[in-house]
Amino acid sequence: EDMQTTKSGLTFITSGIDGPLFSPTMKEYHKKDNVRGRIMLFNLEKPADGVRELMIVGNQFSYEDFAPHGISVLEEKGKIFLFVVVHRAEEDTVEKFEFLEKTLELKHLKTYKGTLVHLLNDVAATGPETFYTTDYGYYRNHVLHFLEQIIGLYYGHVLYYDGRDFIRVSEPTYMANGITLSKDGRHVYVVSSAGKKFIVYKPEANNRLTKINEVELDTFPDNPTIDPVTGDVLLGCHPIGFKITKHLNDPSTEIAASQVLMLHMDKSGTNVTGVTELLSDDLELYGSSSATLYKKRMLVGTVCHKMMYCEVNTL
């Protein structure tokens, strides 16, 4: 569903999304196909090696009802840390892991939870103990969540974990979905999926966010990632809204189109100067939710279908 790539091309991927916002039909699909929560690794320096699952170690970690969603990578002092949004049966959390490259394992380090957390979606790490995360909505129930989306209730927020607790740092937002930092870390990019918007925020000294730009898109954006060379933004998108809704309700019979957009940013990182469509597909890939680019090699992920590897020659 989501992915993040390191400076060396290692791409960490969340797989097996589940949780209270999904329909009984979707849960039955998961059960039939033995879907379970996993974190995968794909090396864009060695694409022929394919993808592999990373085992999670740690006494405080439980695989039971583990359903990973958004992910963020923090590289610090030669180490790689992952921050992952997890939906569990009774609550949503952010989990922190350290990548053990020699054994290809993830060491579970910490669980973050709080009273302001309702239905998390994505996360953007800002330091070893700090991060932004999107509270997608209020209701942790499939029917109420669907109504919240259809009615257009602004119950979402961006939250910030300051090392002690979660605080609300944005205005109410309609379905705050994916989040990431700009290449220079001076701006926070958030997408409103149902609102079809790309929002640029400036973090203030107290970590609260001031909206400085909002771009309307003729598609339903999901997760943003950053081109490490240009600072442009890649967006996994759902171009036909009713089809992705039907697909997520019943993936076994309904298909949805896929789309990847590149938003070209100006030098300030606040304005979109152009848009390039890198992928448009409704035959092989259903429900594209994320994409990452490394040395003109692109990996595209989906909510609950499969991944696609591409070589990009149009940029």
Protein backbone atom coordinates (compact mmCIF):
# COMPACT_ATOMS: atom_id res chain seq x y z
CA GLU A 1 0.00 0.00 0.00
CA ASP A 2 2.85 2.39 0.77
CA MET A 3 6.61 2.43 0.26
CA GLN A 4 9.70 4.49 1.01
CA THR A 5 13.18 4.29 -0.54
CA THR A 6 16.55 4.94 1.10
CA LYS A 7 19.43 6.87 -0.44
CA SER A 8 20.97 3.54 -1.51
CA GLY A 9 17.83 2.23 -3.26
CA LEU A 10 16.41 -0.04 -0.57
CA THR A 11 12.62 0.20 -0.75
CA PHE A 12 10.52 -0.79 2.27
CA ILE A 13 6.92 -1.75 1.48
CA THR A 14 3.83 -2.28 3.61
CA SER A 15 1.64 -5.20 2.62
CA GLY A 16 -1.59 -6.72 3.92
CA ILE A 17 -3.54 -3.59 4.83
CA ASP A 18 -6.63 -4.34 6.90
CA GLY A 19 -8.60 -2.72 9.69
CA PRO A 20 -12.01 -1.51 10.79
CA LEU A 21 -12.50 0.79 7.79
CA PHE A 22 -12.72 -2.15 5.37
CA SER A 23 -15.89 -4.01 4.43
CA PRO A 24 -16.81 -7.57 5.47
CA THR A 25 -16.36 -8.59 1.80
CA MET A 26 -12.79 -7.26 1.84
CA LYS A 27 -12.08 -9.12 5.07
CA GLU A 28 -13.43 -12.33 3.56
CA TYR A 29 -11.15 -11.77 0.55
CA HIS A 30 -8.18 -11.44 2.92
CA LYS A 31 -9.15 -14.59 4.77
CA LYS A 32 -9.61 -16.60 1.58
CA ASP A 33 -6.22 -15.54 0.19
CA ASN A 34 -4.50 -15.87 3.58
CA VAL A 35 -3.48 -12.20 3.51
CA ARG A 36 -1.44 -11.09 6.52
CA GLY A 37 0.42 -8.00 7.55
CA ARG A 38 4.02 -7.89 6.31
CA ILE A 39 6.81 -5.47 5.57
CA MET A 40 8.69 -6.24 2.37
CA LEU A 41 12.02 -5.19 0.87
CA PHE A 42 12.86 -4.44 -2.78
CA ASN A 43 16.36 -3.33 -3.78
CA LEU A 44 16.12 -0.91 -6.71
CA GLU A 45 19.87 -1.36 -7.28
CA LYS A 46 19.15 -5.06 -7.91
CA PRO A 47 15.60 -5.26 -9.30
CA ALA A 48 16.13 -8.78 -10.63
CA ASP A 49 16.37 -10.02 -7.03
CA GLY A 50 12.66 -9.35 -6.58
CA VAL A 51 10.89 -8.72 -3.29
CA ARG A 52 11.34 -10.46 0.03
CA GLU A 53 9.61 -10.38 3.39
CA LEU A 54 11.44 -8.95 6.39
CA MET A 55 10.88 -10.86 9.61
CA ILE A 56 10.17 -8.77 12.70
CA VAL A 57 11.95 -9.54 15.95
CA GLY A 58 11.43 -8.12 19.45
CA ASN A 59 9.77 -9.29 22.64
CA GLN A 60 7.18 -6.50 22.67
CA PHE A 61 5.94 -7.08 19.11
CA SER A 62 2.91 -9.17 18.16
CA TYR A 63 2.01 -10.32 14.64
CA GLU A 64 -1.58 -10.84 15.78
CA ASP A 65 -3.90 -8.34 14.00
CA PHE A 66 -0.81 -6.58 12.55
CA ALA A 67 -2.01 -4.54 9.54
CA PRO A 68 0.62 -2.02 8.34
CA HIS A 69 -0.44 1.02 6.32
CA GLY A 70 1.71 4.17 5.89
CA ILE A 71 5.50 4.06 6.23
CA SER A 72 8.40 6.48 6.64
CA VAL A 73 12.16 5.87 6.55
CA LEU A 74 14.69 7.73 8.71
CA GLU A 75 18.39 7.34 7.96
CA GLU A 76 20.58 8.47 10.83
CA LYS A 77 24.19 7.79 11.85
CA GLY A 78 24.52 4.85 9.47
CA LYS A 79 21.30 3.20 10.65
CA ILE A 80 17.89 2.84 9.01
CA PHE A 81 14.73 3.26 11.07
CA LEU A 82 11.16 2.66 9.94
CA PHE A 83 8.05 4.34 11.30
CA VAL A 84 4.91 2.41 10.34
CA VAL A 85 1.20 3.13 10.84
CA VAL A 86 -0.50 -0.05 12.08
CA HIS A 87 -4.21 -0.82 12.32
CA ARG A 88 -5.02 -3.25 15.10
CA ALA A 89 -8.40 -4.54 16.19
CA GLU A 90 -8.86 -2.06 19.05
CA GLU A 91 -6.58 0.85 18.17
CA ASP A 92 -4.21 2.43 15.66
CA THR A 93 -0.55 2.90 16.51
CA VAL A 94 2.75 3.99 14.99
CA GLU A 95 5.49 1.38 15.35
CA LYS A 96 9.22 2.06 15.18
CA PHE A 97 11.69 -0.49 13.82
CA GLU A 98 15.42 -0.68 13.12
CA PHE A 99 16.50 -2.43 9.92
CA LEU A 100 19.16 -5.08 10.59
CA GLU A 101 20.84 -5.33 7.20
CA LYS A 102 23.08 -8.31 7.98
CA THR A 103 20.18 -10.58 8.93
CA LEU A 104 17.50 -8.81 6.84
CA GLU A 105 15.28 -8.40 9.90
CA LEU A 106 13.37 -5.58 11.53
CA LYS A 107 13.94 -5.04 15.23
CA HIS A 108 10.86 -3.64 16.93
CA LEU A 109 11.83 -0.69 19.14
CA LYS A 110 8.73 1.20 20.27
CA THR A 111 4.95 1.65 20.02
CA TYR A 112 3.40 5.13 19.91
CA LYS A 113 -0.25 5.61 20.87
CA GLY A 114 -2.38 8.48 22.17
CA THR A 115 -5.88 9.72 22.93
CA LEU A 116 -5.96 11.96 19.82
CA VAL A 117 -5.38 8.98 17.55
CA HIS A 118 -8.49 7.70 15.77
CA LEU A 119 -7.85 6.33 12.28
CA LEU A 120 -4.27 6.87 11.14
CA ASN A 121 -3.13 6.67 7.53
CA ASP A 122 0.46 7.78 6.87
CA VAL A 123 3.54 8.99 8.74
CA ALA A 124 6.54 11.24 8.06
CA ALA A 125 9.49 10.96 10.43
CA THR A 126 11.26 14.20 11.44
CA GLY A 127 13.68 12.75 14.00
CA PRO A 128 14.43 9.68 16.15
CA GLU A 129 11.42 10.35 18.41
CA THR A 130 9.33 12.83 16.40
CA PHE A 131 7.03 12.53 13.41
CA TYR A 132 3.95 13.86 11.64
CA THR A 133 1.06 11.49 11.01
CA THR A 134 -2.31 11.87 9.30
CA ASP A 135 -5.46 11.11 11.27
CA TYR A 136 -7.56 10.10 8.28
CA GLY A 137 -10.95 10.34 9.96
CA TYR A 138 -12.83 9.92 13.21
CA TYR A 139 -14.85 6.71 12.99
CA ARG A 140 -13.20 3.28 13.29
CA ASN A 141 -16.19 1.56 11.72
CA HIS A 142 -16.72 0.64 8.07
CA VAL A 143 -20.23 2.06 7.68
CA LEU A 144 -19.61 5.25 9.66
CA HIS A 145 -16.28 5.81 7.93
CA PHE A 146 -17.99 5.46 4.53
CA LEU A 147 -20.66 7.97 5.56
CA GLU A 148 -17.99 10.34 6.86
CA GLN A 149 -16.35 10.22 3.44
CA ILE A 150 -19.55 10.51 1.37
CA ILE A 151 -21.01 13.37 3.42
CA GLY A 152 -17.68 15.21 3.26
CA LEU A 153 -17.03 15.68 6.97
CA TYR A 154 -13.79 17.48 7.86
CA TYR A 155 -12.86 15.17 10.74
CA GLY A 156 -9.27 14.50 9.66
CA HIS A 157 -6.16 16.25 11.03
CA VAL A 158 -2.40 16.15 10.87
CA LEU A 159 -0.94 15.11 14.21
CA TYR A 160 2.61 15.64 15.48
CA TYR A 161 4.36 13.44 18.00
CA ASP A 162 6.78 15.67 19.88
CA GLY A 163 8.61 12.98 21.83
CA ARG A 164 6.04 12.95 24.63
CA ASP A 165 2.55 12.95 23.15
CA PHE A 166 0.45 13.64 20.06
CA ILE A 167 -0.78 17.17 19.32
CA ARG A 168 -3.04 18.46 16.55
CA VAL A 169 -1.07 20.75 14.25
CA SER A 170 -3.39 21.39 11.28
CA GLU A 171 -6.86 22.67 10.58
CA PRO A 172 -9.62 20.05 10.12
CA THR A 173 -8.98 18.29 6.81
CA TYR A 174 -11.19 16.21 4.53
CA MET A 175 -9.66 12.74 4.57
CA ALA A 176 -6.00 13.60 5.22
CA ASN A 177 -4.23 10.70 3.52
CA GLY A 178 -0.57 10.49 2.49
CA ILE A 179 2.10 12.74 4.01
CA THR A 180 5.79 13.37 3.36
CA LEU A 181 8.46 16.01 3.84
CA SER A 182 9.89 18.05 0.98
CA LYS A 183 13.42 17.23 -0.18
CA ASP A 184 14.94 19.98 2.01
CA GLY A 185 12.61 19.22 4.93
CA ARG A 186 11.27 22.77 4.99
CA HIS A 187 7.73 21.86 3.93
CA VAL A 188 5.19 19.16 4.68
CA TYR A 189 3.16 17.74 1.80
CA VAL A 190 -0.28 16.26 2.55
CA VAL A 191 -2.90 14.89 0.19
CA SER A 192 -6.63 14.97 0.74
CA SER A 193 -7.65 11.87 -1.19
CA ALA A 194 -11.42 12.34 -1.29
CA GLY A 195 -10.91 16.11 -1.59
CA LYS A 196 -8.63 15.58 -4.64
CA LYS A 197 -6.08 18.06 -3.28
CA PHE A 198 -2.32 18.36 -2.78
CA ILE A 199 -1.60 20.63 0.19
CA VAL A 200 1.67 22.36 1.07
CA TYR A 201 2.32 23.31 4.69
CA LYS A 202 5.07 25.25 6.41
CA PRO A 203 6.07 23.96 9.87
CA GLU A 204 6.29 26.71 12.48
CA ALA A 205 8.67 26.82 15.45
CA ASN A 206 6.12 24.96 17.59
CA ASN A 207 5.71 22.32 14.81
CA ARG A 208 2.20 23.51 13.98
CA LEU A 209 1.48 23.70 10.27
CA THR A 210 0.53 26.77 8.25
CA LYS A 211 -1.09 26.07 4.89
CA ILE A 212 0.68 28.01 2.14
CA ASN A 213 -0.64 26.31 -1.01
CA GLU A 214 -3.39 23.99 -2.13
CA VAL A 215 -3.51 22.41 -5.58
CA GLU A 216 -6.64 20.78 -6.97
CA LEU A 217 -6.07 17.56 -8.91
CA ASP A 218 -8.37 15.85 -11.39
CA THR A 219 -7.77 12.51 -9.70
CA PHE A 220 -7.90 10.94 -6.24
CA PRO A 221 -4.32 11.08 -4.85
CA ASP A 222 -3.14 8.57 -2.27
CA ASN A 223 0.51 8.53 -1.13
CA PRO A 224 3.27 11.01 -2.06
CA THR A 225 7.00 10.29 -2.28
CA ILE A 226 9.89 12.55 -3.24
CA ASP A 227 12.19 12.28 -6.25
CA PRO A 228 15.56 12.35 -4.44
CA VAL A 229 17.24 14.21 -7.32
CA THR A 230 14.75 16.92 -8.26
CA GLY A 231 12.52 17.19 -5.19
CA ASP A 232 9.46 16.63 -7.39
CA VAL A 233 6.54 14.68 -5.93
CA LEU A 234 5.34 11.28 -7.12
CA LEU A 235 1.71 10.47 -6.41
CA GLY A 236 0.02 7.10 -6.58
CA CYS A 237 -3.52 7.99 -7.69
CA HIS A 238 -6.97 6.57 -8.34
CA PRO A 239 -8.31 8.31 -11.47
CA ILE A 240 -11.86 6.89 -11.28
CA GLY A 241 -13.31 7.32 -7.82
CA PHE A 242 -16.30 4.99 -7.95
CA LYS A 243 -14.15 2.17 -9.36
CA ILE A 244 -11.61 2.27 -6.52
CA THR A 245 -14.50 2.36 -4.02
CA LYS A 246 -16.00 -0.78 -5.58
CA HIS A 247 -12.58 -2.44 -5.84
CA LEU A 248 -11.81 -1.88 -2.15
CA ASN A 249 -15.23 -3.24 -1.24
CA ASP A 250 -14.74 -6.43 -3.28
CA PRO A 251 -11.23 -6.90 -4.77
CA SER A 252 -12.07 -10.38 -6.04
CA THR A 253 -14.59 -9.15 -8.64
CA GLU A 254 -14.10 -5.39 -9.09
CA ILE A 255 -11.11 -3.75 -10.80
CA ALA A 256 -9.86 -0.17 -10.60
CA ALA A 257 -7.60 1.94 -12.80
CA SER A 258 -4.09 2.98 -11.78
CA GLN A 259 -2.24 6.25 -12.29
CA VAL A 260 1.08 7.75 -11.23
CA LEU A 261 1.62 11.50 -11.47
CA MET A 262 4.81 13.50 -11.11
CA LEU A 263 4.18 16.96 -9.69
CA HIS A 264 7.04 19.24 -10.75
CA MET A 265 7.87 21.66 -7.94
CA ASP A 266 9.58 25.04 -8.19
CA LYS A 267 12.84 25.80 -6.35
CA SER A 268 10.97 26.93 -3.25
CA GLY A 269 9.14 23.60 -3.02
CA THR A 270 5.80 25.35 -2.59
CA ASN A 271 4.39 25.68 -6.12
CA VAL A 272 3.55 23.07 -8.75
CA THR A 273 4.91 24.15 -12.14
CA GLY A 274 3.71 21.17 -14.16
CA VAL A 275 2.40 17.61 -14.07
CA THR A 276 3.67 14.51 -15.91
CA GLU A 277 1.61 11.32 -16.05
CA LEU A 278 4.12 8.48 -15.67
CA LEU A 279 1.63 5.62 -15.61
CA SER A 280 -1.97 5.08 -16.70
CA ASP A 281 -3.19 1.52 -16.60
CA ASP A 282 -6.42 -0.42 -16.09
CA LEU A 283 -5.39 -3.82 -17.43
CA GLU A 284 -2.51 -5.07 -15.29
CA LEU A 285 -2.47 -3.00 -12.10
CA TYR A 286 -5.51 -2.24 -9.95
CA GLY A 287 -5.72 0.56 -7.39
CA SER A 288 -2.28 2.21 -7.45
CA SER A 289 -1.62 3.83 -4.07
CA SER A 290 2.10 4.66 -4.09
CA ALA A 291 5.16 4.95 -6.30
CA THR A 292 8.85 5.55 -5.72
CA LEU A 293 11.59 6.61 -8.14
CA TYR A 294 15.31 5.82 -7.95
CA LYS A 295 17.77 6.29 -10.84
CA LYS A 296 14.82 6.30 -13.29
CA ARG A 297 13.62 2.98 -11.89
CA MET A 298 10.08 3.13 -10.58
CA LEU A 299 8.18 0.78 -8.32
CA VAL A 300 4.40 1.15 -8.11
CA GLY A 301 2.34 -0.31 -5.27
CA THR A 302 -1.39 -0.92 -4.86
CA VAL A 303 -3.79 -1.12 -1.94
CA CYS A 304 -4.49 -4.83 -2.30
CA HIS A 305 -3.43 -6.02 -5.77
CA LYS A 306 0.25 -6.34 -6.78
CA MET A 307 3.33 -4.27 -7.58
CA MET A 308 4.80 -3.14 -10.88
CA TYR A 309 8.43 -2.38 -11.72
CA CYS A 310 9.06 0.15 -14.52
CA GLU A 311 12.01 1.89 -16.14
CA VAL A 312 11.17 5.53 -16.74
CA ASN A 313 12.54 7.08 -19.92
CA THR A 314 10.21 10.09 -20.21
CA LEU A 315 11.76 12.43 -17.64
